[in-house]
Amino acid sequence: MRKSNTFKIFRNCFLYTLFVIGLLLMLCDFDSVSTITSYNIQSVKSLQTSYLIDKYVPPKKEAPKVAPAIGPVTKYRLTSFYPNDELKTGDCTGSGLCSWDFGVNEKGWYTYNGKLVLASATTYLQKQFGTREGVTYYKYYDEVNITIDGVVYPGIILDTCGACYKDDRLDLFVKNKDSVIDRGYMGRNMVSVQTTKKK
């Protein structure tokens, strides 16, 4: 009985040892595995790279989407304002929307839903600044098409501009001083504006 138990223990130990050795041999067979793995990975990478180089087409820049106009063409001088400028402009517009609510295009001009953020003479401060004949007074969220340097951009009125009551002017909200634009001084290179949507 004792010999039988001893034999079983030795047999089990022997089989266990063989099993462990077999596992180690399978796991330690690095040469063949690494060769196959590196070959497969390299071939896949080279295929992907060549495919990308051959097939990649840079995305086309989309032109701003402009809406059909509902009003006549009006010529304006276009000036700019930005947060903390010399007039102590804040981050927020008269509409209640602020610079952090806006996107910024590649020129550093603020946009709202893809439309340039503009300030104009509005109906809201007519008592303070008065009215003139022939001037278009906008309301917040009125939309326009504005042509700047031959390019038509959709725009939206979101602020009131005091200087805009004195002359035919619109003010563009920009990110900083480097993004400032001034067109139409002394009537040269004025911007064209057409209303597309009235509130």
N, C-alpha and C. Protein backbone atom coordinates (compact mmCIF):
# COMPACT_ATOMS: atom_id res chain seq x y z
N MET A 1 0.84 -1.19 0.00
CA MET A 1 0.00 0.00 0.00
C MET A 1 0.88 1.24 0.00
N ARG A 2 1.92 1.24 0.83
CA ARG A 2 2.79 2.39 0.93
C ARG A 2 3.57 2.56 -0.36
N LYS A 3 4.04 1.44 -0.95
CA LYS A 3 4.78 1.50 -2.21
C LYS A 3 3.88 2.02 -3.32
N SER A 4 2.64 1.62 -3.27
CA SER A 4 1.68 2.04 -4.31
C SER A 4 1.47 3.55 -4.26
N ASN A 5 1.33 4.10 -3.05
CA ASN A 5 1.16 5.54 -2.88
C ASN A 5 2.41 6.30 -3.33
N THR A 6 3.56 5.76 -2.98
CA THR A 6 4.83 6.40 -3.37
C THR A 6 4.95 6.41 -4.88
N PHE A 7 4.61 5.30 -5.50
CA PHE A 7 4.68 5.21 -6.96
C PHE A 7 3.74 6.24 -7.62
N LYS A 8 2.54 6.37 -7.06
CA LYS A 8 1.58 7.33 -7.61
C LYS A 8 2.10 8.76 -7.48
N ILE A 9 2.72 9.06 -6.37
CA ILE A 9 3.26 10.40 -6.15
C ILE A 9 4.37 10.68 -7.16
N PHE A 10 5.31 9.71 -7.32
CA PHE A 10 6.40 9.87 -8.29
C PHE A 10 5.86 10.01 -9.70
N ARG A 11 4.85 9.18 -10.01
CA ARG A 11 4.28 9.23 -11.36
C ARG A 11 3.62 10.59 -11.61
N ASN A 12 2.88 11.07 -10.65
CA ASN A 12 2.21 12.36 -10.78
C ASN A 12 3.23 13.50 -10.90
N CYS A 13 4.27 13.44 -10.08
CA CYS A 13 5.33 14.46 -10.14
C CYS A 13 6.01 14.43 -11.51
N PHE A 14 6.27 13.21 -12.01
CA PHE A 14 6.93 13.06 -13.30
C PHE A 14 6.06 13.64 -14.42
N LEU A 15 4.77 13.31 -14.39
CA LEU A 15 3.85 13.83 -15.41
C LEU A 15 3.71 15.36 -15.32
N TYR A 16 3.65 15.86 -14.12
CA TYR A 16 3.54 17.29 -13.90
C TYR A 16 4.79 18.01 -14.43
N THR A 17 5.97 17.40 -14.15
CA THR A 17 7.23 17.97 -14.62
C THR A 17 7.27 17.99 -16.14
N LEU A 18 6.86 16.87 -16.76
CA LEU A 18 6.82 16.81 -18.23
C LEU A 18 5.88 17.87 -18.79
N PHE A 19 4.75 18.06 -18.15
CA PHE A 19 3.77 19.04 -18.60
C PHE A 19 4.35 20.47 -18.54
N VAL A 20 5.03 20.78 -17.42
CA VAL A 20 5.64 22.10 -17.24
C VAL A 20 6.75 22.31 -18.26
N ILE A 21 7.56 21.27 -18.49
CA ILE A 21 8.65 21.38 -19.48
C ILE A 21 8.08 21.61 -20.87
N GLY A 22 7.01 20.89 -21.18
CA GLY A 22 6.36 21.06 -22.48
C GLY A 22 5.83 22.48 -22.67
N LEU A 23 5.21 23.01 -21.62
CA LEU A 23 4.72 24.39 -21.69
C LEU A 23 5.86 25.37 -21.90
N LEU A 24 6.94 25.20 -21.14
CA LEU A 24 8.09 26.09 -21.27
C LEU A 24 8.68 26.03 -22.67
N LEU A 25 8.76 24.84 -23.23
CA LEU A 25 9.29 24.71 -24.59
C LEU A 25 8.40 25.43 -25.61
N MET A 26 7.11 25.31 -25.41
CA MET A 26 6.20 25.99 -26.34
C MET A 26 6.31 27.51 -26.20
N LEU A 27 6.40 27.99 -24.95
CA LEU A 27 6.48 29.43 -24.73
C LEU A 27 7.84 30.01 -25.10
N CYS A 28 8.88 29.22 -24.96
CA CYS A 28 10.23 29.71 -25.21
C CYS A 28 10.66 29.57 -26.67
N ASP A 29 9.79 29.13 -27.52
CA ASP A 29 10.14 28.98 -28.93
C ASP A 29 9.96 30.35 -29.61
N PHE A 30 10.82 31.32 -29.21
CA PHE A 30 10.67 32.70 -29.64
C PHE A 30 11.05 32.93 -31.10
N ASP A 31 12.06 32.21 -31.56
CA ASP A 31 12.60 32.51 -32.89
C ASP A 31 11.55 32.41 -33.97
N SER A 32 10.86 31.30 -34.01
CA SER A 32 9.90 31.11 -35.10
C SER A 32 8.70 32.04 -34.93
N VAL A 33 8.26 32.25 -33.69
CA VAL A 33 7.10 33.09 -33.46
C VAL A 33 7.41 34.54 -33.83
N SER A 34 8.57 35.05 -33.36
CA SER A 34 8.89 36.44 -33.62
C SER A 34 9.11 36.69 -35.10
N THR A 35 9.67 35.71 -35.80
CA THR A 35 9.90 35.88 -37.23
C THR A 35 8.58 36.03 -37.96
N ILE A 36 7.65 35.18 -37.64
CA ILE A 36 6.35 35.22 -38.31
C ILE A 36 5.62 36.52 -37.95
N THR A 37 5.65 36.85 -36.64
CA THR A 37 4.93 38.04 -36.19
C THR A 37 5.50 39.30 -36.84
N SER A 38 6.84 39.45 -36.83
CA SER A 38 7.42 40.65 -37.39
C SER A 38 7.17 40.71 -38.90
N TYR A 39 7.19 39.60 -39.56
CA TYR A 39 6.92 39.58 -41.00
C TYR A 39 5.50 40.02 -41.29
N ASN A 40 4.57 39.50 -40.50
CA ASN A 40 3.16 39.84 -40.72
C ASN A 40 2.91 41.32 -40.45
N ILE A 41 3.45 41.80 -39.34
CA ILE A 41 3.22 43.20 -38.98
C ILE A 41 3.83 44.12 -40.03
N GLN A 42 5.07 43.82 -40.44
CA GLN A 42 5.73 44.69 -41.43
C GLN A 42 4.96 44.70 -42.74
N SER A 43 4.49 43.55 -43.16
CA SER A 43 3.79 43.51 -44.43
C SER A 43 2.48 44.29 -44.35
N VAL A 44 1.78 44.18 -43.21
CA VAL A 44 0.52 44.90 -43.05
C VAL A 44 0.79 46.40 -43.01
N LYS A 45 1.82 46.82 -42.26
CA LYS A 45 2.12 48.24 -42.16
C LYS A 45 2.48 48.81 -43.53
N SER A 46 3.30 48.09 -44.27
CA SER A 46 3.72 48.62 -45.57
C SER A 46 2.53 48.71 -46.51
N LEU A 47 1.62 47.74 -46.41
CA LEU A 47 0.43 47.80 -47.26
C LEU A 47 -0.43 49.00 -46.89
N GLN A 48 -0.60 49.22 -45.57
CA GLN A 48 -1.42 50.34 -45.14
C GLN A 48 -0.78 51.67 -45.57
N THR A 49 0.54 51.78 -45.38
CA THR A 49 1.21 53.02 -45.71
C THR A 49 1.11 53.32 -47.19
N SER A 50 1.37 52.33 -48.03
CA SER A 50 1.30 52.58 -49.47
C SER A 50 -0.13 52.92 -49.87
N TYR A 51 -1.08 52.29 -49.22
CA TYR A 51 -2.48 52.58 -49.54
C TYR A 51 -2.80 54.03 -49.19
N LEU A 52 -2.35 54.47 -48.00
CA LEU A 52 -2.64 55.83 -47.58
C LEU A 52 -1.97 56.85 -48.50
N ILE A 53 -0.72 56.59 -48.88
CA ILE A 53 0.00 57.53 -49.73
C ILE A 53 -0.67 57.62 -51.10
N ASP A 54 -1.07 56.45 -51.63
CA ASP A 54 -1.67 56.44 -52.96
C ASP A 54 -3.08 57.02 -52.98
N LYS A 55 -3.84 56.81 -51.91
CA LYS A 55 -5.26 57.13 -51.94
C LYS A 55 -5.63 58.43 -51.22
N TYR A 56 -4.72 59.00 -50.42
CA TYR A 56 -5.07 60.18 -49.62
C TYR A 56 -5.30 61.40 -50.51
N VAL A 57 -6.43 62.04 -50.31
CA VAL A 57 -6.75 63.28 -51.02
C VAL A 57 -7.09 64.32 -49.96
N PRO A 58 -6.38 65.45 -49.91
CA PRO A 58 -6.69 66.45 -48.88
C PRO A 58 -8.11 66.97 -49.04
N PRO A 59 -8.78 67.25 -47.90
CA PRO A 59 -10.17 67.72 -47.98
C PRO A 59 -10.24 69.09 -48.64
N LYS A 60 -11.30 69.28 -49.40
CA LYS A 60 -11.51 70.58 -50.05
C LYS A 60 -12.07 71.55 -49.03
N LYS A 61 -11.61 72.80 -49.11
CA LYS A 61 -12.13 73.83 -48.22
C LYS A 61 -13.51 74.23 -48.71
N GLU A 62 -14.46 74.15 -47.82
CA GLU A 62 -15.83 74.51 -48.21
C GLU A 62 -16.02 76.01 -48.09
N ALA A 63 -16.66 76.56 -49.10
CA ALA A 63 -17.01 77.99 -49.04
C ALA A 63 -18.15 78.18 -48.06
N PRO A 64 -18.20 79.34 -47.38
CA PRO A 64 -19.32 79.57 -46.45
C PRO A 64 -20.65 79.48 -47.19
N LYS A 65 -21.63 78.87 -46.52
CA LYS A 65 -22.95 78.72 -47.14
C LYS A 65 -23.73 80.01 -46.96
N VAL A 66 -24.13 80.59 -48.08
CA VAL A 66 -24.88 81.85 -48.03
C VAL A 66 -26.33 81.60 -48.42
N ALA A 67 -27.21 82.36 -47.79
CA ALA A 67 -28.65 82.22 -48.05
C ALA A 67 -29.08 83.21 -49.12
N PRO A 68 -30.21 82.96 -49.78
CA PRO A 68 -30.71 83.92 -50.76
C PRO A 68 -31.10 85.23 -50.08
N ALA A 69 -30.79 86.33 -50.74
CA ALA A 69 -31.06 87.65 -50.15
C ALA A 69 -32.53 88.03 -50.32
N ILE A 70 -33.03 88.81 -49.34
CA ILE A 70 -34.41 89.30 -49.42
C ILE A 70 -34.46 90.82 -49.45
N GLY A 71 -33.29 91.44 -49.38
CA GLY A 71 -33.25 92.90 -49.37
C GLY A 71 -32.29 93.44 -50.40
N PRO A 72 -32.30 94.77 -50.61
CA PRO A 72 -31.39 95.38 -51.58
C PRO A 72 -29.94 95.36 -51.08
N VAL A 73 -29.00 95.59 -52.00
CA VAL A 73 -27.58 95.66 -51.64
C VAL A 73 -27.31 97.03 -51.03
N THR A 74 -26.67 97.03 -49.85
CA THR A 74 -26.28 98.28 -49.19
C THR A 74 -24.78 98.26 -48.98
N LYS A 75 -24.14 99.41 -49.20
CA LYS A 75 -22.69 99.54 -49.02
C LYS A 75 -22.40 100.08 -47.62
N TYR A 76 -21.40 99.47 -46.97
CA TYR A 76 -21.03 99.89 -45.62
C TYR A 76 -19.51 99.98 -45.50
N ARG A 77 -19.08 100.77 -44.54
CA ARG A 77 -17.71 100.66 -44.07
C ARG A 77 -17.70 99.54 -43.05
N LEU A 78 -16.68 98.71 -43.06
CA LEU A 78 -16.57 97.61 -42.10
C LEU A 78 -15.38 97.87 -41.18
N THR A 79 -15.65 97.98 -39.88
CA THR A 79 -14.59 98.11 -38.88
C THR A 79 -14.66 96.89 -37.96
N SER A 80 -13.78 96.85 -36.97
CA SER A 80 -13.70 95.68 -36.09
C SER A 80 -13.66 96.09 -34.63
N PHE A 81 -14.12 95.19 -33.79
CA PHE A 81 -13.97 95.36 -32.34
C PHE A 81 -13.57 94.00 -31.75
N TYR A 82 -12.91 94.04 -30.61
CA TYR A 82 -12.44 92.81 -29.98
C TYR A 82 -12.42 92.99 -28.46
N PRO A 83 -12.43 91.88 -27.72
CA PRO A 83 -12.44 91.99 -26.25
C PRO A 83 -11.23 92.77 -25.74
N ASN A 84 -11.47 93.68 -24.81
CA ASN A 84 -10.43 94.49 -24.18
C ASN A 84 -9.71 95.40 -25.17
N ASP A 85 -10.42 95.90 -26.16
CA ASP A 85 -9.80 96.84 -27.09
C ASP A 85 -9.72 98.22 -26.44
N GLU A 86 -9.29 99.23 -27.22
CA GLU A 86 -9.10 100.57 -26.64
C GLU A 86 -10.39 101.21 -26.16
N LEU A 87 -11.53 100.69 -26.61
CA LEU A 87 -12.82 101.19 -26.14
C LEU A 87 -13.35 100.40 -24.94
N LYS A 88 -12.51 99.52 -24.42
CA LYS A 88 -12.85 98.68 -23.25
C LYS A 88 -14.02 97.75 -23.54
N THR A 89 -14.06 97.22 -24.75
CA THR A 89 -15.10 96.28 -25.13
C THR A 89 -14.98 95.01 -24.28
N GLY A 90 -16.11 94.48 -23.85
CA GLY A 90 -16.10 93.25 -23.07
C GLY A 90 -16.17 92.03 -23.97
N ASP A 91 -16.33 90.87 -23.36
CA ASP A 91 -16.42 89.61 -24.09
C ASP A 91 -17.83 89.34 -24.62
N CYS A 92 -18.82 90.05 -24.09
CA CYS A 92 -20.20 89.71 -24.43
C CYS A 92 -20.83 90.74 -25.36
N THR A 93 -21.77 90.27 -26.16
CA THR A 93 -22.48 91.12 -27.11
C THR A 93 -23.85 91.51 -26.53
N GLY A 94 -24.51 92.44 -27.18
CA GLY A 94 -25.83 92.88 -26.73
C GLY A 94 -26.87 91.78 -26.72
N SER A 95 -26.65 90.74 -27.52
CA SER A 95 -27.60 89.62 -27.58
C SER A 95 -27.50 88.72 -26.35
N GLY A 96 -26.43 88.92 -25.54
CA GLY A 96 -26.21 88.04 -24.39
C GLY A 96 -25.22 86.92 -24.69
N LEU A 97 -24.88 86.72 -25.95
CA LEU A 97 -23.88 85.72 -26.31
C LEU A 97 -22.49 86.33 -26.16
N CYS A 98 -21.53 85.50 -25.72
CA CYS A 98 -20.18 85.99 -25.44
C CYS A 98 -19.15 85.26 -26.31
N SER A 99 -17.91 85.72 -26.24
CA SER A 99 -16.84 85.19 -27.09
C SER A 99 -16.71 83.67 -26.95
N TRP A 100 -16.96 83.13 -25.75
CA TRP A 100 -16.83 81.68 -25.55
C TRP A 100 -18.00 80.90 -26.19
N ASP A 101 -19.04 81.61 -26.62
CA ASP A 101 -20.15 80.96 -27.33
C ASP A 101 -19.87 80.86 -28.83
N PHE A 102 -18.80 81.50 -29.29
CA PHE A 102 -18.54 81.61 -30.72
C PHE A 102 -17.39 80.71 -31.17
N GLY A 103 -17.41 80.42 -32.46
CA GLY A 103 -16.26 79.80 -33.10
C GLY A 103 -15.35 80.92 -33.62
N VAL A 104 -14.20 80.53 -34.15
CA VAL A 104 -13.27 81.51 -34.74
C VAL A 104 -12.83 80.94 -36.08
N ASN A 105 -12.94 81.74 -37.15
CA ASN A 105 -12.50 81.23 -38.45
C ASN A 105 -10.99 81.43 -38.62
N GLU A 106 -10.46 81.05 -39.79
CA GLU A 106 -9.01 81.10 -40.01
C GLU A 106 -8.46 82.52 -40.00
N LYS A 107 -9.32 83.52 -40.13
CA LYS A 107 -8.86 84.92 -40.10
C LYS A 107 -8.92 85.52 -38.69
N GLY A 108 -9.42 84.74 -37.73
CA GLY A 108 -9.55 85.26 -36.36
C GLY A 108 -10.85 86.02 -36.15
N TRP A 109 -11.82 85.82 -37.03
CA TRP A 109 -13.13 86.48 -36.91
C TRP A 109 -14.08 85.53 -36.20
N TYR A 110 -14.84 86.08 -35.24
CA TYR A 110 -15.80 85.26 -34.51
C TYR A 110 -16.98 84.86 -35.42
N THR A 111 -17.44 83.62 -35.23
CA THR A 111 -18.60 83.13 -35.97
C THR A 111 -19.60 82.51 -35.00
N TYR A 112 -20.85 82.59 -35.38
CA TYR A 112 -21.92 81.94 -34.61
C TYR A 112 -22.74 81.12 -35.58
N ASN A 113 -22.72 79.80 -35.37
CA ASN A 113 -23.37 78.87 -36.31
C ASN A 113 -22.89 79.09 -37.74
N GLY A 114 -21.58 79.37 -37.89
CA GLY A 114 -20.98 79.54 -39.20
C GLY A 114 -21.15 80.93 -39.81
N LYS A 115 -21.77 81.85 -39.06
CA LYS A 115 -22.01 83.21 -39.57
C LYS A 115 -21.13 84.21 -38.82
N LEU A 116 -20.61 85.19 -39.55
CA LEU A 116 -19.78 86.22 -38.92
C LEU A 116 -20.61 87.01 -37.91
N VAL A 117 -20.00 87.28 -36.76
CA VAL A 117 -20.69 88.03 -35.69
C VAL A 117 -20.50 89.53 -35.95
N LEU A 118 -21.62 90.22 -36.14
CA LEU A 118 -21.59 91.63 -36.51
C LEU A 118 -22.35 92.50 -35.50
N ALA A 119 -21.90 93.76 -35.41
CA ALA A 119 -22.63 94.78 -34.65
C ALA A 119 -23.07 95.85 -35.65
N SER A 120 -24.25 96.42 -35.40
CA SER A 120 -24.79 97.42 -36.33
C SER A 120 -25.60 98.44 -35.56
N ALA A 121 -26.14 99.40 -36.30
CA ALA A 121 -27.17 100.26 -35.72
C ALA A 121 -28.41 99.38 -35.57
N THR A 122 -28.95 99.33 -34.37
CA THR A 122 -30.11 98.47 -34.10
C THR A 122 -31.29 99.33 -33.65
N THR A 123 -32.43 98.69 -33.58
CA THR A 123 -33.65 99.40 -33.12
C THR A 123 -33.60 99.66 -31.61
N TYR A 124 -32.70 98.99 -30.91
CA TYR A 124 -32.72 99.02 -29.43
C TYR A 124 -32.21 100.33 -28.83
N LEU A 125 -31.32 101.03 -29.53
CA LEU A 125 -30.74 102.25 -28.96
C LEU A 125 -31.06 103.49 -29.80
N GLN A 126 -32.17 103.44 -30.50
CA GLN A 126 -32.54 104.60 -31.34
C GLN A 126 -32.85 105.83 -30.49
N LYS A 127 -33.42 105.62 -29.31
CA LYS A 127 -33.72 106.78 -28.44
C LYS A 127 -32.42 107.44 -27.98
N GLN A 128 -31.40 106.66 -27.74
CA GLN A 128 -30.13 107.21 -27.26
C GLN A 128 -29.34 107.86 -28.39
N PHE A 129 -29.28 107.20 -29.56
CA PHE A 129 -28.43 107.69 -30.66
C PHE A 129 -29.20 108.40 -31.77
N GLY A 130 -30.53 108.32 -31.75
CA GLY A 130 -31.33 108.97 -32.78
C GLY A 130 -31.45 108.11 -34.03
N THR A 131 -32.20 108.63 -34.99
CA THR A 131 -32.41 107.91 -36.25
C THR A 131 -32.09 108.83 -37.42
N ARG A 132 -31.73 108.21 -38.54
CA ARG A 132 -31.47 108.94 -39.78
C ARG A 132 -32.25 108.28 -40.89
N GLU A 133 -32.64 109.06 -41.86
CA GLU A 133 -33.37 108.49 -42.99
C GLU A 133 -32.44 107.67 -43.87
N GLY A 134 -32.97 106.58 -44.41
CA GLY A 134 -32.19 105.75 -45.33
C GLY A 134 -31.27 104.74 -44.65
N VAL A 135 -31.29 104.73 -43.31
CA VAL A 135 -30.43 103.78 -42.57
C VAL A 135 -31.23 102.52 -42.26
N THR A 136 -30.59 101.38 -42.41
CA THR A 136 -31.24 100.11 -42.03
C THR A 136 -30.92 99.83 -40.56
N TYR A 137 -31.95 99.72 -39.75
CA TYR A 137 -31.78 99.38 -38.33
C TYR A 137 -32.14 97.91 -38.14
N TYR A 138 -31.18 97.18 -37.65
CA TYR A 138 -31.35 95.73 -37.50
C TYR A 138 -31.82 95.38 -36.09
N LYS A 139 -32.25 94.14 -35.94
CA LYS A 139 -32.52 93.54 -34.63
C LYS A 139 -31.55 92.38 -34.45
N TYR A 140 -31.35 91.99 -33.19
CA TYR A 140 -30.48 90.85 -32.93
C TYR A 140 -31.04 89.60 -33.61
N TYR A 141 -30.12 88.84 -34.18
CA TYR A 141 -30.40 87.60 -34.91
C TYR A 141 -30.91 87.83 -36.33
N ASP A 142 -30.95 89.09 -36.79
CA ASP A 142 -31.15 89.32 -38.22
C ASP A 142 -29.92 88.75 -38.94
N GLU A 143 -30.14 88.19 -40.11
CA GLU A 143 -29.03 87.58 -40.85
C GLU A 143 -28.81 88.30 -42.16
N VAL A 144 -27.54 88.35 -42.58
CA VAL A 144 -27.16 89.05 -43.81
C VAL A 144 -26.12 88.24 -44.57
N ASN A 145 -25.95 88.58 -45.84
CA ASN A 145 -24.79 88.16 -46.61
C ASN A 145 -23.90 89.39 -46.72
N ILE A 146 -22.63 89.24 -46.37
CA ILE A 146 -21.70 90.36 -46.42
C ILE A 146 -20.53 89.99 -47.34
N THR A 147 -20.27 90.85 -48.32
CA THR A 147 -19.18 90.61 -49.27
C THR A 147 -17.97 91.42 -48.86
N ILE A 148 -16.91 90.71 -48.47
CA ILE A 148 -15.66 91.34 -48.02
C ILE A 148 -14.55 90.91 -48.98
N ASP A 149 -13.92 91.88 -49.62
CA ASP A 149 -12.84 91.59 -50.58
C ASP A 149 -13.26 90.57 -51.62
N GLY A 150 -14.49 90.66 -52.08
CA GLY A 150 -14.97 89.78 -53.14
C GLY A 150 -15.49 88.43 -52.68
N VAL A 151 -15.40 88.15 -51.38
CA VAL A 151 -15.89 86.87 -50.84
C VAL A 151 -17.18 87.12 -50.07
N VAL A 152 -18.20 86.31 -50.35
CA VAL A 152 -19.50 86.47 -49.68
C VAL A 152 -19.53 85.57 -48.45
N TYR A 153 -19.80 86.17 -47.28
CA TYR A 153 -19.90 85.45 -46.02
C TYR A 153 -21.31 85.61 -45.46
N PRO A 154 -21.86 84.57 -44.83
CA PRO A 154 -23.09 84.77 -44.07
C PRO A 154 -22.75 85.48 -42.77
N GLY A 155 -23.59 86.40 -42.36
CA GLY A 155 -23.35 87.13 -41.11
C GLY A 155 -24.61 87.19 -40.28
N ILE A 156 -24.43 87.52 -38.99
CA ILE A 156 -25.57 87.63 -38.08
C ILE A 156 -25.35 88.82 -37.15
N ILE A 157 -26.37 89.62 -36.96
CA ILE A 157 -26.29 90.80 -36.09
C ILE A 157 -26.51 90.35 -34.65
N LEU A 158 -25.49 90.55 -33.80
CA LEU A 158 -25.60 90.12 -32.40
C LEU A 158 -25.23 91.23 -31.41
N ASP A 159 -24.89 92.43 -31.94
CA ASP A 159 -24.50 93.51 -31.03
C ASP A 159 -24.89 94.86 -31.64
N THR A 160 -24.88 95.88 -30.79
CA THR A 160 -25.20 97.24 -31.23
C THR A 160 -23.91 98.05 -31.26
N CYS A 161 -23.75 98.84 -32.30
CA CYS A 161 -22.54 99.64 -32.50
C CYS A 161 -22.94 101.12 -32.49
N GLY A 162 -22.42 101.89 -31.53
CA GLY A 162 -22.76 103.31 -31.41
C GLY A 162 -22.33 104.10 -32.63
N ALA A 163 -21.13 103.86 -33.14
CA ALA A 163 -20.62 104.60 -34.30
C ALA A 163 -21.44 104.31 -35.55
N CYS A 164 -22.10 103.16 -35.57
CA CYS A 164 -22.89 102.77 -36.75
C CYS A 164 -24.14 103.64 -36.92
N TYR A 165 -24.53 104.39 -35.88
CA TYR A 165 -25.68 105.29 -35.99
C TYR A 165 -25.27 106.59 -36.71
N LYS A 166 -23.97 106.90 -36.69
CA LYS A 166 -23.50 108.16 -37.26
C LYS A 166 -23.18 108.05 -38.73
N ASP A 167 -22.67 106.90 -39.16
CA ASP A 167 -22.39 106.71 -40.59
C ASP A 167 -22.76 105.29 -41.00
N ASP A 168 -22.67 105.02 -42.28
CA ASP A 168 -23.04 103.69 -42.80
C ASP A 168 -21.91 102.72 -42.49
N ARG A 169 -22.04 102.04 -41.36
CA ARG A 169 -20.96 101.21 -40.87
C ARG A 169 -21.50 99.93 -40.23
N LEU A 170 -20.72 98.86 -40.34
CA LEU A 170 -20.93 97.64 -39.58
C LEU A 170 -19.63 97.35 -38.85
N ASP A 171 -19.74 96.65 -37.73
CA ASP A 171 -18.58 96.32 -36.90
C ASP A 171 -18.47 94.80 -36.79
N LEU A 172 -17.31 94.27 -37.08
CA LEU A 172 -17.06 92.83 -37.06
C LEU A 172 -16.37 92.45 -35.75
N PHE A 173 -16.90 91.46 -35.04
CA PHE A 173 -16.32 91.00 -33.78
C PHE A 173 -15.18 90.04 -34.10
N VAL A 174 -13.97 90.41 -33.67
CA VAL A 174 -12.78 89.59 -33.96
C VAL A 174 -12.10 89.18 -32.66
N LYS A 175 -11.19 88.21 -32.78
CA LYS A 175 -10.57 87.61 -31.59
C LYS A 175 -9.61 88.56 -30.89
N ASN A 176 -8.80 89.30 -31.65
CA ASN A 176 -7.78 90.16 -31.05
C ASN A 176 -7.34 91.23 -32.05
N LYS A 177 -6.39 92.04 -31.65
CA LYS A 177 -5.92 93.16 -32.47
C LYS A 177 -5.35 92.68 -33.81
N ASP A 178 -4.69 91.52 -33.81
CA ASP A 178 -4.09 91.00 -35.03
C ASP A 178 -5.14 90.61 -36.08
N SER A 179 -6.39 90.42 -35.66
CA SER A 179 -7.45 89.98 -36.57
C SER A 179 -8.32 91.13 -37.07
N VAL A 180 -7.97 92.35 -36.70
CA VAL A 180 -8.77 93.53 -37.06
C VAL A 180 -8.78 93.73 -38.57
N ILE A 181 -9.94 94.15 -39.07
CA ILE A 181 -10.09 94.47 -40.50
C ILE A 181 -10.79 95.82 -40.60
N ASP A 182 -10.40 96.62 -41.57
CA ASP A 182 -11.04 97.92 -41.81
C ASP A 182 -11.18 98.08 -43.32
N ARG A 183 -12.40 98.13 -43.78
CA ARG A 183 -12.68 98.28 -45.22
C ARG A 183 -13.66 99.43 -45.41
N GLY A 184 -13.47 100.17 -46.50
CA GLY A 184 -14.42 101.21 -46.85
C GLY A 184 -14.10 102.59 -46.30
N TYR A 185 -12.90 102.78 -45.78
CA TYR A 185 -12.54 104.11 -45.27
C TYR A 185 -12.53 105.10 -46.44
N MET A 186 -13.18 106.22 -46.26
CA MET A 186 -13.32 107.25 -47.30
C MET A 186 -14.00 106.68 -48.55
N GLY A 187 -14.84 105.65 -48.34
CA GLY A 187 -15.60 105.09 -49.46
C GLY A 187 -14.84 104.12 -50.34
N ARG A 188 -13.58 103.80 -49.98
CA ARG A 188 -12.79 102.89 -50.80
C ARG A 188 -12.94 101.45 -50.31
N ASN A 189 -13.24 100.54 -51.25
CA ASN A 189 -13.35 99.10 -50.95
C ASN A 189 -14.39 98.82 -49.86
N MET A 190 -15.56 99.41 -50.02
CA MET A 190 -16.64 99.17 -49.05
C MET A 190 -17.16 97.75 -49.19
N VAL A 191 -17.81 97.27 -48.14
CA VAL A 191 -18.40 95.93 -48.19
C VAL A 191 -19.86 96.06 -48.62
N SER A 192 -20.35 94.99 -49.27
CA SER A 192 -21.76 94.97 -49.70
C SER A 192 -22.54 94.06 -48.76
N VAL A 193 -23.72 94.49 -48.37
CA VAL A 193 -24.55 93.73 -47.42
C VAL A 193 -25.96 93.59 -47.97
N GLN A 194 -26.48 92.37 -47.87
CA GLN A 194 -27.88 92.10 -48.22
C GLN A 194 -28.51 91.30 -47.10
N THR A 195 -29.69 91.72 -46.67
CA THR A 195 -30.42 91.00 -45.63
C THR A 195 -30.93 89.67 -46.20
N THR A 196 -30.80 88.61 -45.39
CA THR A 196 -31.30 87.30 -45.81
C THR A 196 -32.42 86.81 -44.89
N LYS A 197 -32.44 87.31 -43.66
CA LYS A 197 -33.47 86.86 -42.71
C LYS A 197 -33.70 87.94 -41.67
N LYS A 198 -34.95 88.33 -41.50
CA LYS A 198 -35.32 89.32 -40.48
C LYS A 198 -35.98 88.61 -39.32
N LYS A 199 -35.66 89.09 -38.13
CA LYS A 199 -36.27 88.48 -36.93
C LYS A 199 -37.71 88.93 -36.81
